[in-house]
C-alpha atoms as a PDB file:
ATOM      1  CA  MET A   1      40.085   0.307 -42.912  1.00  0.00           C
ATOM      2  CA  PRO A   2      42.706  -2.163 -44.184  1.00  0.00           C
ATOM      3  CA  ASN A   3      46.116  -2.015 -42.739  1.00  0.00           C
ATOM      4  CA  TYR A   4      49.476  -2.023 -44.579  1.00  0.00           C
ATOM      5  CA  GLU A   5      49.894  -5.864 -44.414  1.00  0.00           C
ATOM      6  CA  THR A   6      46.470  -6.430 -45.862  1.00  0.00           C
ATOM      7  CA  LEU A   7      46.954  -3.933 -48.674  1.00  0.00           C
ATOM      8  CA  LEU A   8      50.374  -5.393 -49.532  1.00  0.00           C
ATOM      9  CA  ALA A   9      48.985  -8.886 -49.573  1.00  0.00           C
ATOM     10  CA  ASP A  10      46.209  -7.776 -51.901  1.00  0.00           C
ATOM     11  CA  ALA A  11      48.588  -5.878 -54.114  1.00  0.00           C
ATOM     12  CA  THR A  12      50.936  -8.953 -54.475  1.00  0.00           C
ATOM     13  CA  ARG A  13      48.040 -10.985 -55.887  1.00  0.00           C
ATOM     14  CA  LEU A  14      47.653  -8.502 -58.742  1.00  0.00           C
ATOM     15  CA  PRO A  15      49.132  -9.300 -62.206  1.00  0.00           C
ATOM     16  CA  VAL A  16      52.471  -7.564 -62.767  1.00  0.00           C
ATOM     17  CA  ALA A  17      51.095  -4.895 -65.100  1.00  0.00           C
ATOM     18  CA  GLU A  18      48.424  -3.984 -62.562  1.00  0.00           C
ATOM     19  CA  ARG A  19      51.047  -3.742 -59.727  1.00  0.00           C
ATOM     20  CA  ILE A  20      53.088  -1.451 -61.833  1.00  0.00           C
ATOM     21  CA  HIS A  21      50.033   0.757 -62.441  1.00  0.00           C
ATOM     22  CA  LEU A  22      49.269   0.727 -58.747  1.00  0.00           C
ATOM     23  CA  ILE A  23      52.872   1.764 -57.916  1.00  0.00           C
ATOM     24  CA  ASP A  24      52.735   4.557 -60.487  1.00  0.00           C
ATOM     25  CA  ALA A  25      49.423   5.728 -59.023  1.00  0.00           C
ATOM     26  CA  ILE A  26      50.563   5.631 -55.341  1.00  0.00           C
ATOM     27  CA  TRP A  27      53.873   7.411 -56.327  1.00  0.00           C
ATOM     28  CA  ASN A  28      51.811  10.250 -57.963  1.00  0.00           C
ATOM     29  CA  THR A  29      50.072  10.873 -54.658  1.00  0.00           C
ATOM     30  CA  LEU A  30      53.264  11.813 -52.816  1.00  0.00           C
ATOM     31  CA  PRO A  31      53.809  15.540 -52.162  1.00  0.00           C
ATOM     32  CA  ALA A  32      56.998  16.713 -53.864  1.00  0.00           C
ATOM     33  CA  ASP A  33      58.415  17.869 -50.583  1.00  0.00           C
ATOM     34  CA  SER A  34      58.046  14.359 -48.903  1.00  0.00           C
ATOM     35  CA  LEU A  35      60.438  12.586 -51.315  1.00  0.00           C
ATOM     36  CA  PRO A  36      63.687  11.218 -49.859  1.00  0.00           C
ATOM     37  CA  PRO A  37      66.904  13.196 -50.516  1.00  0.00           C
ATOM     38  CA  LEU A  38      69.137  12.070 -53.397  1.00  0.00           C
ATOM     39  CA  SER A  39      72.544  10.602 -52.696  1.00  0.00           C
ATOM     40  CA  ASP A  40      75.762  12.312 -53.970  1.00  0.00           C
ATOM     41  CA  GLU A  41      76.096   9.717 -56.731  1.00  0.00           C
ATOM     42  CA  TRP A  42      72.597  10.371 -58.030  1.00  0.00           C
ATOM     43  CA  ILE A  43      73.125  14.076 -57.978  1.00  0.00           C
ATOM     44  CA  ALA A  44      76.376  13.683 -59.876  1.00  0.00           C
ATOM     45  CA  GLU A  45      74.679  11.442 -62.462  1.00  0.00           C
ATOM     46  CA  ILE A  46      71.760  13.880 -62.950  1.00  0.00           C
ATOM     47  CA  GLN A  47      74.267  16.736 -63.331  1.00  0.00           C
ATOM     48  CA  ARG A  48      76.252  14.691 -65.962  1.00  0.00           C
ATOM     49  CA  ARG A  49      73.079  13.784 -67.907  1.00  0.00           C
ATOM     50  CA  SER A  50      71.763  17.250 -67.721  1.00  0.00           C
ATOM     51  CA  ALA A  51      74.992  18.673 -69.178  1.00  0.00           C
ATOM     52  CA  GLU A  52      74.746  16.100 -72.069  1.00  0.00           C
ATOM     53  CA  TYR A  53      71.111  17.222 -72.665  1.00  0.00           C
ATOM     54  CA  ASP A  54      71.986  20.908 -72.541  1.00  0.00           C
ATOM     55  CA  SER A  55      74.867  20.376 -74.965  1.00  0.00           C
ATOM     56  CA  GLY A  56      72.570  18.552 -77.418  1.00  0.00           C
ATOM     57  CA  SER A  57      74.666  15.360 -77.302  1.00  0.00           C
ATOM     58  CA  ALA A  58      72.088  13.249 -75.540  1.00  0.00           C
ATOM     59  CA  GLU A  59      69.576  11.240 -77.539  1.00  0.00           C
ATOM     60  CA  THR A  60      66.168  11.612 -75.967  1.00  0.00           C
ATOM     61  CA  VAL A  61      63.093   9.395 -76.011  1.00  0.00           C
ATOM     62  CA  PRO A  62      59.627  10.588 -74.915  1.00  0.00           C
ATOM     63  CA  TRP A  63      58.444   9.253 -71.492  1.00  0.00           C
ATOM     64  CA  GLU A  64      55.302   7.789 -73.041  1.00  0.00           C
ATOM     65  CA  GLN A  65      57.553   5.597 -75.419  1.00  0.00           C
ATOM     66  CA  VAL A  66      59.839   4.525 -72.511  1.00  0.00           C
ATOM     67  CA  LYS A  67      56.871   3.580 -70.361  1.00  0.00           C
ATOM     68  CA  ALA A  68      55.065   1.756 -73.083  1.00  0.00           C
ATOM     69  CA  GLU A  69      58.165  -0.328 -73.953  1.00  0.00           C
ATOM     70  CA  ALA A  70      58.761  -1.080 -70.237  1.00  0.00           C
ATOM     71  CA  MET A  71      55.169  -2.329 -69.930  1.00  0.00           C
ATOM     72  CA  ARG A  72      55.556  -4.447 -73.042  1.00  0.00           C
ATOM     73  CA  ARG A  73      58.774  -6.002 -71.632  1.00  0.00           C
ATOM     74  CA  VAL A  74      57.207  -6.747 -68.338  1.00  0.00           C
ATOM     75  CA  GLU A  75      54.130  -8.483 -69.998  1.00  0.00           C
ATOM     76  CA  ARG A  76      56.552 -10.659 -72.122  1.00  0.00           C
ATOM     77  CA  THR A  77      59.287 -11.582 -69.616  1.00  0.00           C
ATOM     78  CA  VAL A  78      57.958 -11.644 -66.142  1.00  0.00           C
ATOM     79  CA  PRO A  79      55.911 -14.790 -65.279  1.00  0.00           C
ATOM     80  CA  ASP A  80      53.079 -13.928 -62.882  1.00  0.00           C
ATOM     81  CA  ALA A  81      51.685 -16.825 -60.820  1.00  0.00           C
ATOM     82  CA  SER A  82      48.679 -14.864 -59.921  1.00  0.00           C
ATOM     83  CA  ARG A  83      47.268 -14.904 -63.394  1.00  0.00           C
END
Protein backbone atom coordinates (compact mmCIF):
# COMPACT_ATOMS: atom_id res chain seq x y z
CA MET A 1 0.00 0.00 0.00
CA PRO A 2 1.44 3.43 -0.93
CA ASN A 3 2.42 5.73 1.90
CA TYR A 4 1.65 9.42 2.30
CA GLU A 5 4.87 10.61 0.65
CA THR A 6 4.31 8.40 -2.40
CA LEU A 7 0.70 9.51 -2.76
CA LEU A 8 1.65 13.18 -2.40
CA ALA A 9 4.46 12.87 -4.94
CA ASP A 10 2.11 11.19 -7.40
CA ALA A 11 -0.59 13.81 -6.82
CA THR A 12 1.81 16.72 -7.42
CA ARG A 13 2.52 15.34 -10.89
CA LEU A 14 -1.15 15.60 -11.90
CA PRO A 15 -2.35 18.60 -13.91
CA VAL A 16 -3.85 21.36 -11.74
CA ALA A 17 -7.46 20.60 -12.67
CA GLU A 18 -7.01 16.93 -11.75
CA ARG A 19 -5.40 17.88 -8.43
CA ILE A 20 -8.42 20.05 -7.64
CA HIS A 21 -10.76 17.16 -8.47
CA LEU A 22 -8.68 14.89 -6.23
CA ILE A 23 -8.82 17.38 -3.35
CA ASP A 24 -12.58 17.63 -3.73
CA ALA A 25 -12.97 13.85 -3.83
CA ILE A 26 -10.80 13.34 -0.74
CA TRP A 27 -12.57 16.14 1.14
CA ASN A 28 -15.92 14.47 0.44
CA THR A 29 -14.71 11.27 2.14
CA LEU A 30 -14.22 13.00 5.52
CA PRO A 31 -16.90 12.35 8.14
CA ALA A 32 -18.63 15.57 9.18
CA ASP A 33 -17.62 15.10 12.81
CA SER A 34 -13.90 14.91 11.92
CA LEU A 35 -13.57 18.44 10.55
CA PRO A 36 -11.45 20.92 12.53
CA PRO A 37 -13.25 23.55 14.64
CA LEU A 38 -13.79 26.99 13.15
CA SER A 39 -12.00 30.04 14.54
CA ASP A 40 -13.98 32.85 16.18
CA GLU A 41 -13.28 35.01 13.12
CA TRP A 42 -14.78 32.44 10.76
CA ILE A 43 -17.82 32.00 12.99
CA ALA A 44 -18.37 35.78 13.02
CA GLU A 45 -18.06 35.95 9.23
CA ILE A 46 -20.50 33.05 8.78
CA GLN A 47 -23.00 34.75 11.10
CA ARG A 48 -22.62 38.05 9.21
CA ARG A 49 -23.16 36.41 5.85
CA SER A 50 -26.06 34.31 7.15
CA ALA A 51 -27.76 37.47 8.42
CA GLU A 52 -27.31 39.09 4.98
CA TYR A 53 -28.76 36.01 3.31
CA ASP A 54 -31.68 35.81 5.74
CA SER A 55 -32.49 39.49 5.19
CA GLY A 56 -32.47 39.04 1.41
CA SER A 57 -29.66 41.55 0.90
CA ALA A 58 -27.08 38.99 -0.26
CA GLU A 59 -26.73 38.23 -3.95
CA THR A 60 -26.30 34.47 -4.33
CA VAL A 61 -24.67 32.34 -7.01
CA PRO A 62 -25.28 28.59 -7.38
CA TRP A 63 -22.33 26.41 -6.26
CA GLU A 64 -22.14 24.73 -9.68
CA GLN A 65 -21.59 28.14 -11.31
CA VAL A 66 -18.94 29.16 -8.76
CA LYS A 67 -17.08 25.86 -9.13
CA ALA A 68 -17.22 25.97 -12.94
CA GLU A 69 -15.84 29.52 -12.98
CA ALA A 70 -13.05 28.57 -10.58
CA MET A 71 -12.08 25.63 -12.77
CA ARG A 72 -12.05 27.87 -15.86
CA ARG A 73 -9.79 30.37 -14.08
CA VAL A 74 -7.38 27.66 -12.94
CA GLU A 75 -7.08 26.28 -16.43
CA ARG A 76 -6.40 29.75 -17.87
CA THR A 77 -4.12 31.25 -15.26
CA VAL A 78 -2.10 28.56 -13.49
CA PRO A 79 0.80 27.15 -15.49
CA ASP A 80 1.33 23.47 -14.82
CA ALA A 81 4.77 22.10 -15.56
CA SER A 82 3.49 18.52 -15.40
CA ARG A 83 1.50 18.85 -18.64
